[in-house]
């Protein structure tokens, strides 16, 4: 839902992560946006190569490329997905530019971090699956604690029907997702209904 409602027109998508969640997020993004290039970044070269090969088979119409320079990859992409188990922030706010959208979902417990506080400070709007949960885990908690982001400015995805989404094309938006069981069950039901 966040990709469909928040991501700008995307020619190049960047995914930071090489696990199953990263691949699923790319597939979900592809179901709502047409993009021609996919950049794949990860910390372990062999995992990146394996993920690139799998995504090339899944998305034969997309040019899937392994990248090692994350800052350059962010500059080339219009939309970014982070899906890692990192405990240190690796996506820097200084790399974001007007119009960028980031879906960050790897930092789902108190020890994990993917985005630095500057990323939240640069964002025009930050959307979350649960305000309460995001204030307890991940990097958003730190950004609010450091005073770079006001918790009152957070918008829950479930309220998008009554909040404007992308108000201007040059907005920087972040969807910070920690995972909510009820939403996961609802998504699983939709998938099961579509399985022949």
C-alpha atoms as a PDB file:
ATOM      1  CA  UNK A   1       0.000   0.000   0.000  1.00  0.00           C
ATOM      2  CA  UNK A   2       2.771   2.489   0.828  1.00  0.00           C
ATOM      3  CA  UNK A   3       4.449   2.017  -2.575  1.00  0.00           C
ATOM      4  CA  UNK A   4       1.171   2.466  -4.418  1.00  0.00           C
ATOM      5  CA  UNK A   5       0.161   5.605  -2.542  1.00  0.00           C
ATOM      6  CA  UNK A   6       3.477   7.296  -1.805  1.00  0.00           C
ATOM      7  CA  UNK A   7       6.090   6.404  -4.422  1.00  0.00           C
ATOM      8  CA  UNK A   8       6.597   8.840  -7.293  1.00  0.00           C
ATOM      9  CA  UNK A   9       6.772   7.684 -10.908  1.00  0.00           C
ATOM     10  CA  UNK A  10       9.806   5.407 -10.732  1.00  0.00           C
ATOM     11  CA  UNK A  11      12.163   4.461 -13.536  1.00  0.00           C
ATOM     12  CA  UNK A  12      14.867   3.160 -11.180  1.00  0.00           C
ATOM     13  CA  UNK A  13      14.160   1.335  -7.939  1.00  0.00           C
ATOM     14  CA  UNK A  14      16.861   0.583  -5.369  1.00  0.00           C
ATOM     15  CA  UNK A  15      16.534  -2.275  -2.913  1.00  0.00           C
ATOM     16  CA  UNK A  16      18.959  -2.465   0.006  1.00  0.00           C
ATOM     17  CA  UNK A  17      18.789  -6.034   1.237  1.00  0.00           C
ATOM     18  CA  UNK A  18      19.193  -9.531  -0.139  1.00  0.00           C
ATOM     19  CA  UNK A  19      16.780 -11.643   1.886  1.00  0.00           C
ATOM     20  CA  UNK A  20      13.311 -12.947   1.207  1.00  0.00           C
ATOM     21  CA  UNK A  21      11.656  -9.761   2.481  1.00  0.00           C
ATOM     22  CA  UNK A  22      13.666  -7.653   0.025  1.00  0.00           C
ATOM     23  CA  UNK A  23      12.576  -9.839  -2.903  1.00  0.00           C
ATOM     24  CA  UNK A  24       8.937  -9.789  -1.787  1.00  0.00           C
ATOM     25  CA  UNK A  25       8.975  -6.003  -1.452  1.00  0.00           C
ATOM     26  CA  UNK A  26      10.391  -5.635  -4.975  1.00  0.00           C
ATOM     27  CA  UNK A  27       7.646  -7.915  -6.311  1.00  0.00           C
ATOM     28  CA  UNK A  28       4.999  -5.903  -4.473  1.00  0.00           C
ATOM     29  CA  UNK A  29       6.431  -2.665  -5.850  1.00  0.00           C
ATOM     30  CA  UNK A  30       6.422  -4.132  -9.375  1.00  0.00           C
ATOM     31  CA  UNK A  31       2.733  -4.974  -9.014  1.00  0.00           C
ATOM     32  CA  UNK A  32       1.833  -1.268  -8.649  1.00  0.00           C
ATOM     33  CA  UNK A  33       4.636   0.569 -10.506  1.00  0.00           C
ATOM     34  CA  UNK A  34       6.342  -0.025 -13.829  1.00  0.00           C
ATOM     35  CA  UNK A  35      10.079   0.520 -13.550  1.00  0.00           C
ATOM     36  CA  UNK A  36      12.820  -0.387 -15.993  1.00  0.00           C
ATOM     37  CA  UNK A  37      15.858  -0.629 -13.725  1.00  0.00           C
ATOM     38  CA  UNK A  38      16.446  -2.270 -10.357  1.00  0.00           C
ATOM     39  CA  UNK A  39      19.588  -1.656  -8.314  1.00  0.00           C
ATOM     40  CA  UNK A  40      20.438  -4.238  -5.648  1.00  0.00           C
ATOM     41  CA  UNK A  41      22.750  -3.400  -2.749  1.00  0.00           C
ATOM     42  CA  UNK A  42      23.835  -5.602   0.126  1.00  0.00           C
ATOM     43  CA  UNK A  43      26.753  -6.049   2.480  1.00  0.00           C
ATOM     44  CA  UNK A  44      27.719  -9.522   1.231  1.00  0.00           C
ATOM     45  CA  UNK A  45      28.726  -9.750  -2.440  1.00  0.00           C
ATOM     46  CA  UNK A  46      27.756 -13.412  -2.843  1.00  0.00           C
ATOM     47  CA  UNK A  47      24.247 -12.758  -1.492  1.00  0.00           C
ATOM     48  CA  UNK A  48      23.854  -9.766  -3.808  1.00  0.00           C
ATOM     49  CA  UNK A  49      24.776 -11.925  -6.816  1.00  0.00           C
ATOM     50  CA  UNK A  50      22.274 -14.604  -5.811  1.00  0.00           C
ATOM     51  CA  UNK A  51      19.510 -12.025  -5.267  1.00  0.00           C
ATOM     52  CA  UNK A  52      20.230 -10.336  -8.615  1.00  0.00           C
ATOM     53  CA  UNK A  53      19.953 -13.703 -10.399  1.00  0.00           C
ATOM     54  CA  UNK A  54      16.620 -14.482  -8.704  1.00  0.00           C
ATOM     55  CA  UNK A  55      15.174 -11.047  -9.429  1.00  0.00           C
ATOM     56  CA  UNK A  56      16.242 -11.254 -13.081  1.00  0.00           C
ATOM     57  CA  UNK A  57      14.174 -14.434 -13.401  1.00  0.00           C
ATOM     58  CA  UNK A  58      11.202 -12.885 -11.576  1.00  0.00           C
ATOM     59  CA  UNK A  59      11.318  -9.603 -13.511  1.00  0.00           C
ATOM     60  CA  UNK A  60      12.625 -10.398 -17.012  1.00  0.00           C
ATOM     61  CA  UNK A  61      11.520  -6.994 -18.346  1.00  0.00           C
ATOM     62  CA  UNK A  62      13.655  -5.122 -15.772  1.00  0.00           C
ATOM     63  CA  UNK A  63      17.399  -4.433 -15.966  1.00  0.00           C
ATOM     64  CA  UNK A  64      18.579  -5.801 -12.587  1.00  0.00           C
ATOM     65  CA  UNK A  65      22.046  -4.608 -11.553  1.00  0.00           C
ATOM     66  CA  UNK A  66      24.251  -5.231  -8.503  1.00  0.00           C
ATOM     67  CA  UNK A  67      25.682  -2.032  -6.993  1.00  0.00           C
ATOM     68  CA  UNK A  68      28.371  -1.411  -4.400  1.00  0.00           C
ATOM     69  CA  UNK A  69      28.258   2.394  -4.090  1.00  0.00           C
ATOM     70  CA  UNK A  70      25.115   2.988  -2.059  1.00  0.00           C
ATOM     71  CA  UNK A  71      25.254   6.806  -2.187  1.00  0.00           C
ATOM     72  CA  UNK A  72      25.424   6.732  -5.983  1.00  0.00           C
ATOM     73  CA  UNK A  73      22.614   4.180  -6.175  1.00  0.00           C
ATOM     74  CA  UNK A  74      20.363   6.368  -4.003  1.00  0.00           C
ATOM     75  CA  UNK A  75      21.106   9.308  -6.325  1.00  0.00           C
ATOM     76  CA  UNK A  76      20.088   7.243  -9.377  1.00  0.00           C
ATOM     77  CA  UNK A  77      16.828   5.892  -7.908  1.00  0.00           C
ATOM     78  CA  UNK A  78      13.501   7.619  -7.451  1.00  0.00           C
ATOM     79  CA  UNK A  79      12.298   5.057  -4.884  1.00  0.00           C
ATOM     80  CA  UNK A  80      14.263   3.086  -2.287  1.00  0.00           C
ATOM     81  CA  UNK A  81      13.358  -0.018  -0.285  1.00  0.00           C
ATOM     82  CA  UNK A  82      15.407  -1.012   2.758  1.00  0.00           C
ATOM     83  CA  UNK A  83      14.893  -4.540   4.059  1.00  0.00           C
ATOM     84  CA  UNK A  84      17.899  -5.569   6.140  1.00  0.00           C
ATOM     85  CA  UNK A  85      18.740  -6.699   9.654  1.00  0.00           C
ATOM     86  CA  UNK A  86      21.256  -3.871  10.092  1.00  0.00           C
ATOM     87  CA  UNK A  87      22.004  -2.558  13.565  1.00  0.00           C
ATOM     88  CA  UNK A  88      23.839   0.499  12.181  1.00  0.00           C
ATOM     89  CA  UNK A  89      22.223   3.163   9.982  1.00  0.00           C
ATOM     90  CA  UNK A  90      23.453   2.901   6.390  1.00  0.00           C
ATOM     91  CA  UNK A  91      21.042   5.172   4.479  1.00  0.00           C
ATOM     92  CA  UNK A  92      22.008   8.809   5.053  1.00  0.00           C
ATOM     93  CA  UNK A  93      19.654  11.740   4.911  1.00  0.00           C
ATOM     94  CA  UNK A  94      22.228  13.804   3.011  1.00  0.00           C
ATOM     95  CA  UNK A  95      21.787  11.416   0.052  1.00  0.00           C
ATOM     96  CA  UNK A  96      18.048  12.060  -0.285  1.00  0.00           C
ATOM     97  CA  UNK A  97      16.881  14.549  -2.854  1.00  0.00           C
ATOM     98  CA  UNK A  98      13.529  16.174  -3.680  1.00  0.00           C
ATOM     99  CA  UNK A  99      10.969  13.653  -4.889  1.00  0.00           C
ATOM    100  CA  UNK A 100      12.554  10.611  -3.235  1.00  0.00           C
ATOM    101  CA  UNK A 101      10.429   7.976  -1.532  1.00  0.00           C
ATOM    102  CA  UNK A 102      11.879   5.468   0.949  1.00  0.00           C
ATOM    103  CA  UNK A 103      10.074   2.407   2.281  1.00  0.00           C
ATOM    104  CA  UNK A 104      12.085   1.235   5.304  1.00  0.00           C
ATOM    105  CA  UNK A 105      11.007  -2.002   6.924  1.00  0.00           C
ATOM    106  CA  UNK A 106      14.043  -3.818   8.254  1.00  0.00           C
ATOM    107  CA  UNK A 107      14.399  -2.053  11.611  1.00  0.00           C
ATOM    108  CA  UNK A 108      11.622  -3.841  13.439  1.00  0.00           C
ATOM    109  CA  UNK A 109      13.147  -4.309  16.889  1.00  0.00           C
ATOM    110  CA  UNK A 110      14.921  -2.026  19.372  1.00  0.00           C
ATOM    111  CA  UNK A 111      18.450  -2.952  18.177  1.00  0.00           C
ATOM    112  CA  UNK A 112      17.991  -2.461  14.421  1.00  0.00           C
ATOM    113  CA  UNK A 113      18.715   0.704  12.421  1.00  0.00           C
ATOM    114  CA  UNK A 114      18.666   1.389   8.656  1.00  0.00           C
ATOM    115  CA  UNK A 115      18.110   5.161   8.262  1.00  0.00           C
ATOM    116  CA  UNK A 116      20.063   7.826  10.086  1.00  0.00           C
ATOM    117  CA  UNK A 117      18.274  10.609  11.978  1.00  0.00           C
ATOM    118  CA  UNK A 118      19.082  13.065   9.169  1.00  0.00           C
ATOM    119  CA  UNK A 119      16.878  11.043   6.800  1.00  0.00           C
ATOM    120  CA  UNK A 120      13.874  11.705   9.017  1.00  0.00           C
ATOM    121  CA  UNK A 121      14.864  15.351   9.392  1.00  0.00           C
ATOM    122  CA  UNK A 122      14.982  15.723   5.569  1.00  0.00           C
ATOM    123  CA  UNK A 123      11.609  14.055   5.002  1.00  0.00           C
ATOM    124  CA  UNK A 124       8.616  16.253   4.290  1.00  0.00           C
ATOM    125  CA  UNK A 125       6.337  13.531   5.650  1.00  0.00           C
ATOM    126  CA  UNK A 126       6.903  10.290   7.531  1.00  0.00           C
ATOM    127  CA  UNK A 127       4.253   7.585   7.333  1.00  0.00           C
ATOM    128  CA  UNK A 128       4.135   4.595   9.678  1.00  0.00           C
ATOM    129  CA  UNK A 129       2.116   1.435  10.089  1.00  0.00           C
ATOM    130  CA  UNK A 130       1.763   2.116  13.833  1.00  0.00           C
ATOM    131  CA  UNK A 131       2.832   5.254  15.653  1.00  0.00           C
ATOM    132  CA  UNK A 132       2.958   3.494  19.029  1.00  0.00           C
ATOM    133  CA  UNK A 133       5.022   0.587  17.743  1.00  0.00           C
ATOM    134  CA  UNK A 134       7.449   2.826  15.820  1.00  0.00           C
ATOM    135  CA  UNK A 135       8.091   4.860  18.948  1.00  0.00           C
ATOM    136  CA  UNK A 136       9.196   1.675  20.721  1.00  0.00           C
ATOM    137  CA  UNK A 137      11.460   0.046  18.113  1.00  0.00           C
ATOM    138  CA  UNK A 138      13.845   0.908  15.295  1.00  0.00           C
ATOM    139  CA  UNK A 139      15.430   4.143  14.229  1.00  0.00           C
ATOM    140  CA  UNK A 140      12.310   6.316  14.366  1.00  0.00           C
ATOM    141  CA  UNK A 141      12.364   6.099  18.141  1.00  0.00           C
ATOM    142  CA  UNK A 142      15.875   7.558  18.115  1.00  0.00           C
ATOM    143  CA  UNK A 143      14.961  10.355  15.693  1.00  0.00           C
ATOM    144  CA  UNK A 144      12.050  11.436  17.891  1.00  0.00           C
ATOM    145  CA  UNK A 145      14.198  11.128  21.025  1.00  0.00           C
ATOM    146  CA  UNK A 146      16.909  13.298  19.429  1.00  0.00           C
ATOM    147  CA  UNK A 147      14.355  15.956  18.583  1.00  0.00           C
ATOM    148  CA  UNK A 148      14.826  15.804  14.794  1.00  0.00           C
ATOM    149  CA  UNK A 149      11.272  14.561  14.283  1.00  0.00           C
ATOM    150  CA  UNK A 150       8.062  15.430  16.104  1.00  0.00           C
ATOM    151  CA  UNK A 151       5.937  12.368  16.908  1.00  0.00           C
ATOM    152  CA  UNK A 152       2.825  14.494  16.289  1.00  0.00           C
ATOM    153  CA  UNK A 153       3.808  14.832  12.616  1.00  0.00           C
ATOM    154  CA  UNK A 154       3.710  11.064  11.975  1.00  0.00           C
ATOM    155  CA  UNK A 155       0.868   9.812   9.773  1.00  0.00           C
ATOM    156  CA  UNK A 156      -0.439   6.252  10.093  1.00  0.00           C
ATOM    157  CA  UNK A 157      -0.966   4.492   6.781  1.00  0.00           C
ATOM    158  CA  UNK A 158      -4.428   3.419   7.912  1.00  0.00           C
ATOM    159  CA  UNK A 159      -5.520   7.064   7.922  1.00  0.00           C
ATOM    160  CA  UNK A 160      -4.388   7.890   4.389  1.00  0.00           C
ATOM    161  CA  UNK A 161      -7.980   8.116   3.222  1.00  0.00           C
ATOM    162  CA  UNK A 162      -8.294  11.319   5.266  1.00  0.00           C
ATOM    163  CA  UNK A 163      -4.791  12.740   4.745  1.00  0.00           C
ATOM    164  CA  UNK A 164      -3.292  14.000   1.501  1.00  0.00           C
ATOM    165  CA  UNK A 165      -0.594  11.647   0.307  1.00  0.00           C
ATOM    166  CA  UNK A 166       2.061  13.130  -1.978  1.00  0.00           C
ATOM    167  CA  UNK A 167       1.140  16.802  -1.899  1.00  0.00           C
ATOM    168  CA  UNK A 168       3.945  18.001  -4.189  1.00  0.00           C
ATOM    169  CA  UNK A 169       6.141  16.089  -6.651  1.00  0.00           C
ATOM    170  CA  UNK A 170       9.331  17.239  -4.921  1.00  0.00           C
ATOM    171  CA  UNK A 171       8.378  15.988  -1.453  1.00  0.00           C
ATOM    172  CA  UNK A 172      10.655  13.511   0.280  1.00  0.00           C
ATOM    173  CA  UNK A 173       8.510  10.798   1.848  1.00  0.00           C
ATOM    174  CA  UNK A 174       9.401   7.907   4.130  1.00  0.00           C
ATOM    175  CA  UNK A 175       7.212   4.940   4.997  1.00  0.00           C
ATOM    176  CA  UNK A 176       8.657   3.412   8.177  1.00  0.00           C
ATOM    177  CA  UNK A 177       7.138  -0.017   8.698  1.00  0.00           C
ATOM    178  CA  UNK A 178       7.717  -2.296  11.672  1.00  0.00           C
ATOM    179  CA  UNK A 179       5.098  -4.944  10.862  1.00  0.00           C
ATOM    180  CA  UNK A 180       1.675  -5.344  12.412  1.00  0.00           C
ATOM    181  CA  UNK A 181       0.191  -8.815  12.801  1.00  0.00           C
ATOM    182  CA  UNK A 182      -3.351  -7.791  11.840  1.00  0.00           C
ATOM    183  CA  UNK A 183      -2.120  -6.164   8.623  1.00  0.00           C
ATOM    184  CA  UNK A 184      -0.008  -9.225   7.819  1.00  0.00           C
ATOM    185  CA  UNK A 185      -3.049 -11.481   8.261  1.00  0.00           C
ATOM    186  CA  UNK A 186      -5.165  -9.254   6.020  1.00  0.00           C
ATOM    187  CA  UNK A 187      -2.474  -9.329   3.329  1.00  0.00           C
ATOM    188  CA  UNK A 188      -2.224 -13.126   3.598  1.00  0.00           C
ATOM    189  CA  UNK A 189      -5.998 -13.436   3.134  1.00  0.00           C
ATOM    190  CA  UNK A 190      -5.846 -11.362  -0.042  1.00  0.00           C
ATOM    191  CA  UNK A 191      -3.016 -13.522  -1.399  1.00  0.00           C
ATOM    192  CA  UNK A 192      -4.848 -16.774  -0.553  1.00  0.00           C
ATOM    193  CA  UNK A 193      -7.995 -15.535  -2.299  1.00  0.00           C
ATOM    194  CA  UNK A 194      -5.973 -15.044  -5.502  1.00  0.00           C
ATOM    195  CA  UNK A 195      -4.252 -18.443  -5.444  1.00  0.00           C
ATOM    196  CA  UNK A 196      -5.916 -20.832  -7.933  1.00  0.00           C
END
